[in-house]
Amino acid sequence: MSDIVTEKIVPVVTRQGHEYGDTGQSGGAHRVSGVSIQHTPATKIWFGKVTNLPGYRSLPHHHGEAETGGYVLKGLGRIYFGENYSEFIDMSEGDFVFVPPFMPHVEVNMSTTEDLIWLTTRTPDNIVINLADVDDSSLEGYRRS
């Protein structure tokens, strides 16, 4: 008989209101995870929810080596990127987005009255590297609530 003990891994549910919140943050983009290495048996994926209150935006940041996939669950989002964050893409409910590794960007809630809620997945983990902030006026079309 073998002395090796095999641990059985089973599905793990993270209930609403019990998400893991001690994860990388960047300004007005608040992240919580439902699936991550910090509180589930996951070893190569971070899956969570990101909320931007009306008129709020993240700090400029990138996600290091992590590939990022996002889905707009609710609201109107914009991601600024490129030189001086002069380029942008807009997204609305039901849109998916891919953000490449090491790409500096700013995530913005374009509504001044409604929340923006993203579902986000990253591999291998929620890497968040904040960069120097920029003035709101440099982000074309952005305004706070």
N, C-alpha and C. Protein backbone atom coordinates (compact mmCIF):
# COMPACT_ATOMS: atom_id res chain seq x y z
N MET A 1 0.84 -1.18 0.00
CA MET A 1 0.00 0.00 0.00
C MET A 1 0.88 1.25 0.00
N SER A 2 0.51 2.24 -0.76
CA SER A 2 1.29 3.46 -0.89
C SER A 2 1.09 4.38 0.30
N ASP A 3 2.14 5.11 0.66
CA ASP A 3 2.06 6.09 1.74
C ASP A 3 1.64 7.46 1.23
N ILE A 4 1.42 7.58 -0.08
CA ILE A 4 1.05 8.87 -0.69
C ILE A 4 -0.42 9.15 -0.39
N VAL A 5 -0.68 10.33 0.14
CA VAL A 5 -2.04 10.76 0.41
C VAL A 5 -2.46 11.70 -0.70
N THR A 6 -3.57 11.39 -1.33
CA THR A 6 -4.06 12.23 -2.41
C THR A 6 -5.20 13.09 -1.87
N GLU A 7 -5.04 14.42 -1.99
CA GLU A 7 -6.08 15.33 -1.55
C GLU A 7 -7.11 15.46 -2.66
N LYS A 8 -8.35 15.26 -2.31
CA LYS A 8 -9.43 15.37 -3.29
C LYS A 8 -9.80 16.84 -3.44
N ILE A 9 -9.78 17.33 -4.66
CA ILE A 9 -10.17 18.71 -4.93
C ILE A 9 -11.59 18.68 -5.49
N VAL A 10 -12.45 19.47 -4.93
CA VAL A 10 -13.85 19.52 -5.33
C VAL A 10 -14.21 20.94 -5.73
N PRO A 11 -15.35 21.15 -6.41
CA PRO A 11 -15.77 22.51 -6.74
C PRO A 11 -15.90 23.36 -5.47
N VAL A 12 -15.53 24.62 -5.59
CA VAL A 12 -15.62 25.56 -4.48
C VAL A 12 -16.49 26.73 -4.92
N VAL A 13 -17.47 27.07 -4.12
CA VAL A 13 -18.35 28.21 -4.40
C VAL A 13 -17.98 29.36 -3.50
N THR A 14 -17.81 30.53 -4.08
CA THR A 14 -17.63 31.75 -3.30
C THR A 14 -18.97 32.47 -3.35
N ARG A 15 -19.63 32.55 -2.22
CA ARG A 15 -20.97 33.15 -2.15
C ARG A 15 -20.90 34.67 -2.25
N GLN A 16 -21.95 35.24 -2.84
CA GLN A 16 -22.06 36.69 -2.95
C GLN A 16 -21.87 37.31 -1.57
N GLY A 17 -21.04 38.33 -1.51
CA GLY A 17 -20.75 38.99 -0.25
C GLY A 17 -19.56 38.39 0.49
N HIS A 18 -19.03 37.27 -0.03
CA HIS A 18 -17.88 36.62 0.60
C HIS A 18 -16.68 36.56 -0.35
N GLU A 19 -16.67 37.42 -1.36
CA GLU A 19 -15.55 37.47 -2.29
C GLU A 19 -14.29 37.92 -1.55
N TYR A 20 -13.15 37.58 -2.11
CA TYR A 20 -11.87 37.95 -1.53
C TYR A 20 -11.52 39.37 -1.98
N GLY A 21 -11.34 40.29 -1.03
CA GLY A 21 -11.12 41.68 -1.37
C GLY A 21 -9.72 42.20 -1.18
N ASP A 22 -8.84 41.40 -0.60
CA ASP A 22 -7.47 41.86 -0.35
C ASP A 22 -6.61 41.54 -1.57
N THR A 23 -6.97 42.13 -2.68
CA THR A 23 -6.32 41.87 -3.96
C THR A 23 -5.83 43.18 -4.56
N GLY A 24 -5.07 43.12 -5.63
CA GLY A 24 -4.52 44.33 -6.24
C GLY A 24 -5.61 45.32 -6.62
N GLN A 25 -5.39 46.58 -6.32
CA GLN A 25 -6.35 47.65 -6.60
C GLN A 25 -5.65 48.77 -7.36
N SER A 26 -6.46 49.61 -8.04
CA SER A 26 -5.89 50.77 -8.73
C SER A 26 -6.91 51.90 -8.76
N GLY A 27 -6.87 52.71 -7.72
CA GLY A 27 -7.73 53.89 -7.67
C GLY A 27 -9.20 53.53 -7.61
N GLY A 28 -10.00 54.13 -8.50
CA GLY A 28 -11.45 53.97 -8.49
C GLY A 28 -11.96 52.68 -9.09
N ALA A 29 -11.09 51.73 -9.40
CA ALA A 29 -11.52 50.42 -9.87
C ALA A 29 -11.36 49.45 -8.69
N HIS A 30 -12.47 49.05 -8.10
CA HIS A 30 -12.44 48.18 -6.93
C HIS A 30 -12.61 46.72 -7.36
N ARG A 31 -11.62 45.87 -7.02
CA ARG A 31 -11.61 44.48 -7.44
C ARG A 31 -11.86 43.53 -6.28
N VAL A 32 -12.69 42.51 -6.52
CA VAL A 32 -12.86 41.38 -5.61
C VAL A 32 -12.77 40.12 -6.44
N SER A 33 -12.28 39.04 -5.83
CA SER A 33 -12.19 37.79 -6.59
C SER A 33 -13.17 36.75 -6.06
N GLY A 34 -13.70 35.98 -6.99
CA GLY A 34 -14.53 34.84 -6.67
C GLY A 34 -13.73 33.56 -6.77
N VAL A 35 -12.76 33.55 -7.68
CA VAL A 35 -11.88 32.41 -7.86
C VAL A 35 -10.45 32.94 -7.93
N SER A 36 -9.63 32.50 -6.98
CA SER A 36 -8.22 32.90 -7.00
C SER A 36 -7.42 31.99 -6.11
N ILE A 37 -6.12 32.06 -6.27
CA ILE A 37 -5.21 31.25 -5.47
C ILE A 37 -5.33 31.59 -3.98
N GLN A 38 -5.78 32.80 -3.67
CA GLN A 38 -5.84 33.23 -2.28
C GLN A 38 -6.94 32.53 -1.48
N HIS A 39 -8.00 32.04 -2.12
CA HIS A 39 -9.09 31.45 -1.33
C HIS A 39 -9.80 30.25 -1.98
N THR A 40 -9.24 29.72 -3.04
CA THR A 40 -9.76 28.49 -3.65
C THR A 40 -8.56 27.63 -4.06
N PRO A 41 -8.80 26.41 -4.52
CA PRO A 41 -7.69 25.58 -4.97
C PRO A 41 -7.10 26.02 -6.32
N ALA A 42 -7.61 27.10 -6.92
CA ALA A 42 -7.11 27.58 -8.21
C ALA A 42 -5.62 27.89 -8.12
N THR A 43 -4.89 27.57 -9.17
CA THR A 43 -3.45 27.84 -9.18
C THR A 43 -3.00 28.68 -10.37
N LYS A 44 -3.85 28.83 -11.39
CA LYS A 44 -3.42 29.53 -12.61
C LYS A 44 -4.45 30.48 -13.16
N ILE A 45 -5.40 30.90 -12.33
CA ILE A 45 -6.43 31.81 -12.82
C ILE A 45 -6.92 32.72 -11.69
N TRP A 46 -7.21 33.95 -12.05
CA TRP A 46 -7.88 34.89 -11.16
C TRP A 46 -9.16 35.29 -11.88
N PHE A 47 -10.32 35.17 -11.21
CA PHE A 47 -11.60 35.52 -11.82
C PHE A 47 -12.35 36.36 -10.80
N GLY A 48 -12.70 37.56 -11.21
CA GLY A 48 -13.34 38.44 -10.25
C GLY A 48 -14.25 39.47 -10.88
N LYS A 49 -14.67 40.39 -10.02
CA LYS A 49 -15.57 41.47 -10.41
C LYS A 49 -14.88 42.79 -10.10
N VAL A 50 -14.97 43.71 -11.04
CA VAL A 50 -14.39 45.04 -10.88
C VAL A 50 -15.54 46.04 -10.98
N THR A 51 -15.61 46.94 -10.00
CA THR A 51 -16.67 47.94 -9.99
C THR A 51 -16.06 49.34 -10.03
N ASN A 52 -16.57 50.15 -10.94
CA ASN A 52 -16.22 51.58 -11.00
C ASN A 52 -17.51 52.34 -10.71
N LEU A 53 -17.52 53.12 -9.63
CA LEU A 53 -18.69 53.94 -9.33
C LEU A 53 -18.88 54.99 -10.43
N PRO A 54 -20.06 55.62 -10.50
CA PRO A 54 -20.31 56.62 -11.54
C PRO A 54 -19.21 57.68 -11.59
N GLY A 55 -18.65 57.89 -12.79
CA GLY A 55 -17.63 58.92 -12.99
C GLY A 55 -16.26 58.55 -12.47
N TYR A 56 -16.08 57.35 -11.96
CA TYR A 56 -14.78 56.96 -11.42
C TYR A 56 -13.93 56.24 -12.46
N ARG A 57 -12.62 56.27 -12.23
CA ARG A 57 -11.68 55.61 -13.13
C ARG A 57 -10.55 54.99 -12.32
N SER A 58 -9.86 54.08 -12.97
CA SER A 58 -8.68 53.50 -12.32
C SER A 58 -7.52 54.46 -12.45
N LEU A 59 -6.48 54.19 -11.70
CA LEU A 59 -5.19 54.81 -11.95
C LEU A 59 -4.61 54.18 -13.21
N PRO A 60 -3.70 54.83 -13.89
CA PRO A 60 -2.98 54.14 -14.96
C PRO A 60 -2.27 52.93 -14.34
N HIS A 61 -2.33 51.82 -15.03
CA HIS A 61 -1.72 50.60 -14.52
C HIS A 61 -1.53 49.59 -15.64
N HIS A 62 -0.84 48.50 -15.33
CA HIS A 62 -0.80 47.35 -16.24
C HIS A 62 -0.81 46.10 -15.38
N HIS A 63 -0.92 44.96 -16.03
CA HIS A 63 -1.07 43.70 -15.31
C HIS A 63 0.12 42.77 -15.51
N GLY A 64 1.31 43.38 -15.68
CA GLY A 64 2.52 42.57 -15.79
C GLY A 64 2.37 41.51 -16.86
N GLU A 65 2.80 40.30 -16.55
CA GLU A 65 2.77 39.18 -17.50
C GLU A 65 1.37 38.62 -17.72
N ALA A 66 0.39 39.07 -16.94
CA ALA A 66 -0.94 38.48 -17.00
C ALA A 66 -1.70 38.87 -18.27
N GLU A 67 -2.33 37.87 -18.88
CA GLU A 67 -3.31 38.13 -19.93
C GLU A 67 -4.63 38.39 -19.24
N THR A 68 -5.39 39.37 -19.74
CA THR A 68 -6.63 39.77 -19.10
C THR A 68 -7.79 39.68 -20.07
N GLY A 69 -8.86 39.07 -19.62
CA GLY A 69 -10.11 39.06 -20.36
C GLY A 69 -11.16 39.74 -19.51
N GLY A 70 -11.97 40.58 -20.14
CA GLY A 70 -13.02 41.28 -19.40
C GLY A 70 -14.35 41.17 -20.10
N TYR A 71 -15.41 41.29 -19.33
CA TYR A 71 -16.78 41.26 -19.84
C TYR A 71 -17.55 42.36 -19.12
N VAL A 72 -18.22 43.23 -19.89
CA VAL A 72 -18.99 44.30 -19.28
C VAL A 72 -20.36 43.74 -18.90
N LEU A 73 -20.56 43.56 -17.61
CA LEU A 73 -21.81 43.03 -17.09
C LEU A 73 -22.88 44.12 -17.04
N LYS A 74 -22.43 45.34 -16.65
CA LYS A 74 -23.37 46.45 -16.51
C LYS A 74 -22.64 47.76 -16.75
N GLY A 75 -23.23 48.63 -17.57
CA GLY A 75 -22.70 49.97 -17.71
C GLY A 75 -21.97 50.25 -19.01
N LEU A 76 -21.29 51.41 -19.02
CA LEU A 76 -20.54 51.89 -20.18
C LEU A 76 -19.09 52.12 -19.77
N GLY A 77 -18.20 51.36 -20.37
CA GLY A 77 -16.80 51.45 -20.01
C GLY A 77 -15.95 51.97 -21.15
N ARG A 78 -14.80 52.48 -20.80
CA ARG A 78 -13.80 52.92 -21.78
C ARG A 78 -12.44 52.53 -21.23
N ILE A 79 -11.58 52.07 -22.12
CA ILE A 79 -10.19 51.79 -21.76
C ILE A 79 -9.30 52.69 -22.60
N TYR A 80 -8.54 53.54 -21.90
CA TYR A 80 -7.55 54.40 -22.55
C TYR A 80 -6.22 53.67 -22.56
N PHE A 81 -5.47 53.80 -23.65
CA PHE A 81 -4.18 53.16 -23.79
C PHE A 81 -3.36 53.95 -24.79
N GLY A 82 -2.17 53.47 -25.14
CA GLY A 82 -1.34 54.15 -26.13
C GLY A 82 -0.55 55.30 -25.53
N GLU A 83 0.15 56.01 -26.41
CA GLU A 83 0.98 57.13 -25.97
C GLU A 83 0.13 58.19 -25.28
N ASN A 84 0.49 58.51 -24.04
CA ASN A 84 -0.24 59.49 -23.22
C ASN A 84 -1.72 59.13 -23.09
N TYR A 85 -2.04 57.86 -23.23
CA TYR A 85 -3.42 57.37 -23.11
C TYR A 85 -4.36 58.10 -24.08
N SER A 86 -3.84 58.35 -25.28
CA SER A 86 -4.59 59.12 -26.29
C SER A 86 -5.52 58.25 -27.14
N GLU A 87 -5.38 56.94 -27.05
CA GLU A 87 -6.27 56.04 -27.79
C GLU A 87 -7.25 55.42 -26.79
N PHE A 88 -8.41 55.02 -27.29
CA PHE A 88 -9.38 54.39 -26.39
C PHE A 88 -10.35 53.50 -27.16
N ILE A 89 -10.93 52.57 -26.42
CA ILE A 89 -12.02 51.74 -26.94
C ILE A 89 -13.17 51.83 -25.96
N ASP A 90 -14.39 51.86 -26.49
CA ASP A 90 -15.60 51.91 -25.67
C ASP A 90 -16.27 50.55 -25.66
N MET A 91 -16.89 50.23 -24.55
CA MET A 91 -17.60 48.97 -24.39
C MET A 91 -18.90 49.20 -23.65
N SER A 92 -19.88 48.35 -23.95
CA SER A 92 -21.15 48.42 -23.22
C SER A 92 -21.55 47.01 -22.82
N GLU A 93 -22.65 46.91 -22.10
CA GLU A 93 -23.12 45.63 -21.58
C GLU A 93 -23.06 44.54 -22.64
N GLY A 94 -22.46 43.42 -22.29
CA GLY A 94 -22.37 42.28 -23.19
C GLY A 94 -21.09 42.21 -24.01
N ASP A 95 -20.26 43.25 -23.96
CA ASP A 95 -19.01 43.26 -24.72
C ASP A 95 -17.90 42.57 -23.93
N PHE A 96 -17.03 41.85 -24.66
CA PHE A 96 -15.82 41.26 -24.11
C PHE A 96 -14.62 42.08 -24.57
N VAL A 97 -13.54 42.06 -23.79
CA VAL A 97 -12.32 42.76 -24.16
C VAL A 97 -11.11 41.93 -23.73
N PHE A 98 -10.05 41.99 -24.52
CA PHE A 98 -8.77 41.38 -24.17
C PHE A 98 -7.77 42.51 -24.00
N VAL A 99 -7.04 42.49 -22.88
CA VAL A 99 -5.96 43.46 -22.64
C VAL A 99 -4.65 42.67 -22.56
N PRO A 100 -3.72 42.97 -23.48
CA PRO A 100 -2.45 42.23 -23.52
C PRO A 100 -1.59 42.47 -22.27
N PRO A 101 -0.68 41.54 -22.00
CA PRO A 101 0.26 41.73 -20.89
C PRO A 101 1.07 43.03 -21.05
N PHE A 102 1.41 43.63 -19.94
CA PHE A 102 2.28 44.81 -19.85
C PHE A 102 1.72 46.06 -20.55
N MET A 103 0.46 46.09 -20.96
CA MET A 103 -0.10 47.26 -21.65
C MET A 103 -0.63 48.27 -20.62
N PRO A 104 0.03 49.45 -20.51
CA PRO A 104 -0.50 50.48 -19.62
C PRO A 104 -1.88 50.94 -20.11
N HIS A 105 -2.81 51.10 -19.17
CA HIS A 105 -4.16 51.52 -19.54
C HIS A 105 -4.87 52.14 -18.34
N VAL A 106 -5.99 52.79 -18.63
CA VAL A 106 -6.86 53.39 -17.62
C VAL A 106 -8.27 52.89 -17.91
N GLU A 107 -8.93 52.35 -16.90
CA GLU A 107 -10.31 51.87 -17.04
C GLU A 107 -11.25 52.93 -16.49
N VAL A 108 -12.28 53.29 -17.27
CA VAL A 108 -13.14 54.41 -16.91
C VAL A 108 -14.62 54.02 -16.99
N ASN A 109 -15.38 54.50 -16.01
CA ASN A 109 -16.84 54.44 -16.08
C ASN A 109 -17.28 55.73 -16.77
N MET A 110 -17.84 55.60 -17.97
CA MET A 110 -18.22 56.78 -18.74
C MET A 110 -19.56 57.37 -18.29
N SER A 111 -20.29 56.67 -17.43
CA SER A 111 -21.54 57.20 -16.90
C SER A 111 -21.27 57.97 -15.62
N THR A 112 -21.99 59.06 -15.43
CA THR A 112 -21.89 59.82 -14.18
C THR A 112 -23.05 59.50 -13.25
N THR A 113 -23.90 58.52 -13.65
CA THR A 113 -25.06 58.18 -12.82
C THR A 113 -25.18 56.68 -12.51
N GLU A 114 -24.55 55.81 -13.31
CA GLU A 114 -24.70 54.36 -13.14
C GLU A 114 -23.35 53.70 -12.87
N ASP A 115 -23.35 52.62 -12.10
CA ASP A 115 -22.13 51.84 -11.86
C ASP A 115 -21.68 51.15 -13.14
N LEU A 116 -20.39 50.89 -13.23
CA LEU A 116 -19.81 50.04 -14.27
C LEU A 116 -19.33 48.79 -13.56
N ILE A 117 -19.78 47.62 -14.02
CA ILE A 117 -19.38 46.35 -13.41
C ILE A 117 -18.81 45.45 -14.48
N TRP A 118 -17.56 45.04 -14.28
CA TRP A 118 -16.86 44.14 -15.18
C TRP A 118 -16.70 42.78 -14.51
N LEU A 119 -16.75 41.72 -15.28
CA LEU A 119 -16.25 40.43 -14.84
C LEU A 119 -14.90 40.30 -15.52
N THR A 120 -13.89 39.95 -14.75
CA THR A 120 -12.53 39.94 -15.27
C THR A 120 -11.82 38.65 -14.90
N THR A 121 -11.07 38.11 -15.86
CA THR A 121 -10.24 36.96 -15.57
C THR A 121 -8.82 37.24 -16.02
N ARG A 122 -7.89 36.69 -15.26
CA ARG A 122 -6.49 36.94 -15.51
C ARG A 122 -5.70 35.67 -15.25
N THR A 123 -4.67 35.45 -16.05
CA THR A 123 -3.76 34.35 -15.77
C THR A 123 -2.34 34.90 -15.71
N PRO A 124 -1.59 34.53 -14.70
CA PRO A 124 -1.86 33.52 -13.70
C PRO A 124 -2.53 34.05 -12.43
N ASP A 125 -2.54 35.35 -12.21
CA ASP A 125 -3.07 35.92 -10.97
C ASP A 125 -3.43 37.38 -11.24
N ASN A 126 -4.01 38.03 -10.24
CA ASN A 126 -4.40 39.43 -10.36
C ASN A 126 -3.21 40.34 -10.11
N ILE A 127 -2.36 40.45 -11.12
CA ILE A 127 -1.19 41.33 -11.03
C ILE A 127 -1.66 42.75 -11.36
N VAL A 128 -1.40 43.70 -10.47
CA VAL A 128 -1.77 45.10 -10.70
C VAL A 128 -0.56 45.96 -10.37
N ILE A 129 -0.01 46.61 -11.39
CA ILE A 129 1.16 47.49 -11.20
C ILE A 129 0.70 48.90 -11.55
N ASN A 130 0.49 49.71 -10.49
CA ASN A 130 0.03 51.08 -10.69
C ASN A 130 1.17 51.95 -11.20
N LEU A 131 0.81 52.88 -12.08
CA LEU A 131 1.77 53.81 -12.70
C LEU A 131 1.44 55.23 -12.27
N ALA A 132 2.25 56.18 -12.69
CA ALA A 132 2.02 57.58 -12.35
C ALA A 132 0.65 58.01 -12.87
N ASP A 133 -0.08 58.75 -12.04
CA ASP A 133 -1.41 59.21 -12.41
C ASP A 133 -1.32 60.27 -13.51
N VAL A 134 -2.42 60.46 -14.20
CA VAL A 134 -2.54 61.50 -15.22
C VAL A 134 -3.71 62.40 -14.86
N ASP A 135 -3.68 63.61 -15.36
CA ASP A 135 -4.76 64.54 -15.12
C ASP A 135 -6.00 64.09 -15.89
N ASP A 136 -7.17 64.22 -15.29
CA ASP A 136 -8.42 63.84 -15.95
C ASP A 136 -8.57 64.50 -17.32
N SER A 137 -8.09 65.74 -17.46
CA SER A 137 -8.26 66.47 -18.71
C SER A 137 -7.50 65.85 -19.88
N SER A 138 -6.53 64.99 -19.57
CA SER A 138 -5.78 64.36 -20.65
C SER A 138 -6.51 63.14 -21.25
N LEU A 139 -7.61 62.74 -20.63
CA LEU A 139 -8.38 61.58 -21.08
C LEU A 139 -9.59 62.10 -21.87
N GLU A 140 -9.48 62.07 -23.18
CA GLU A 140 -10.51 62.62 -24.06
C GLU A 140 -11.90 62.09 -23.72
N GLY A 141 -12.83 63.02 -23.45
CA GLY A 141 -14.22 62.67 -23.23
C GLY A 141 -14.57 62.23 -21.82
N TYR A 142 -13.58 62.13 -20.95
CA TYR A 142 -13.85 61.67 -19.59
C TYR A 142 -14.24 62.82 -18.69
N ARG A 143 -15.22 62.57 -17.83
CA ARG A 143 -15.59 63.55 -16.80
C ARG A 143 -16.07 62.81 -15.56
N ARG A 144 -15.74 63.38 -14.42
CA ARG A 144 -16.18 62.80 -13.15
C ARG A 144 -17.63 63.19 -12.89
N SER A 145 -18.23 62.46 -11.96
CA SER A 145 -19.64 62.78 -11.64
C SER A 145 -19.75 64.05 -10.81
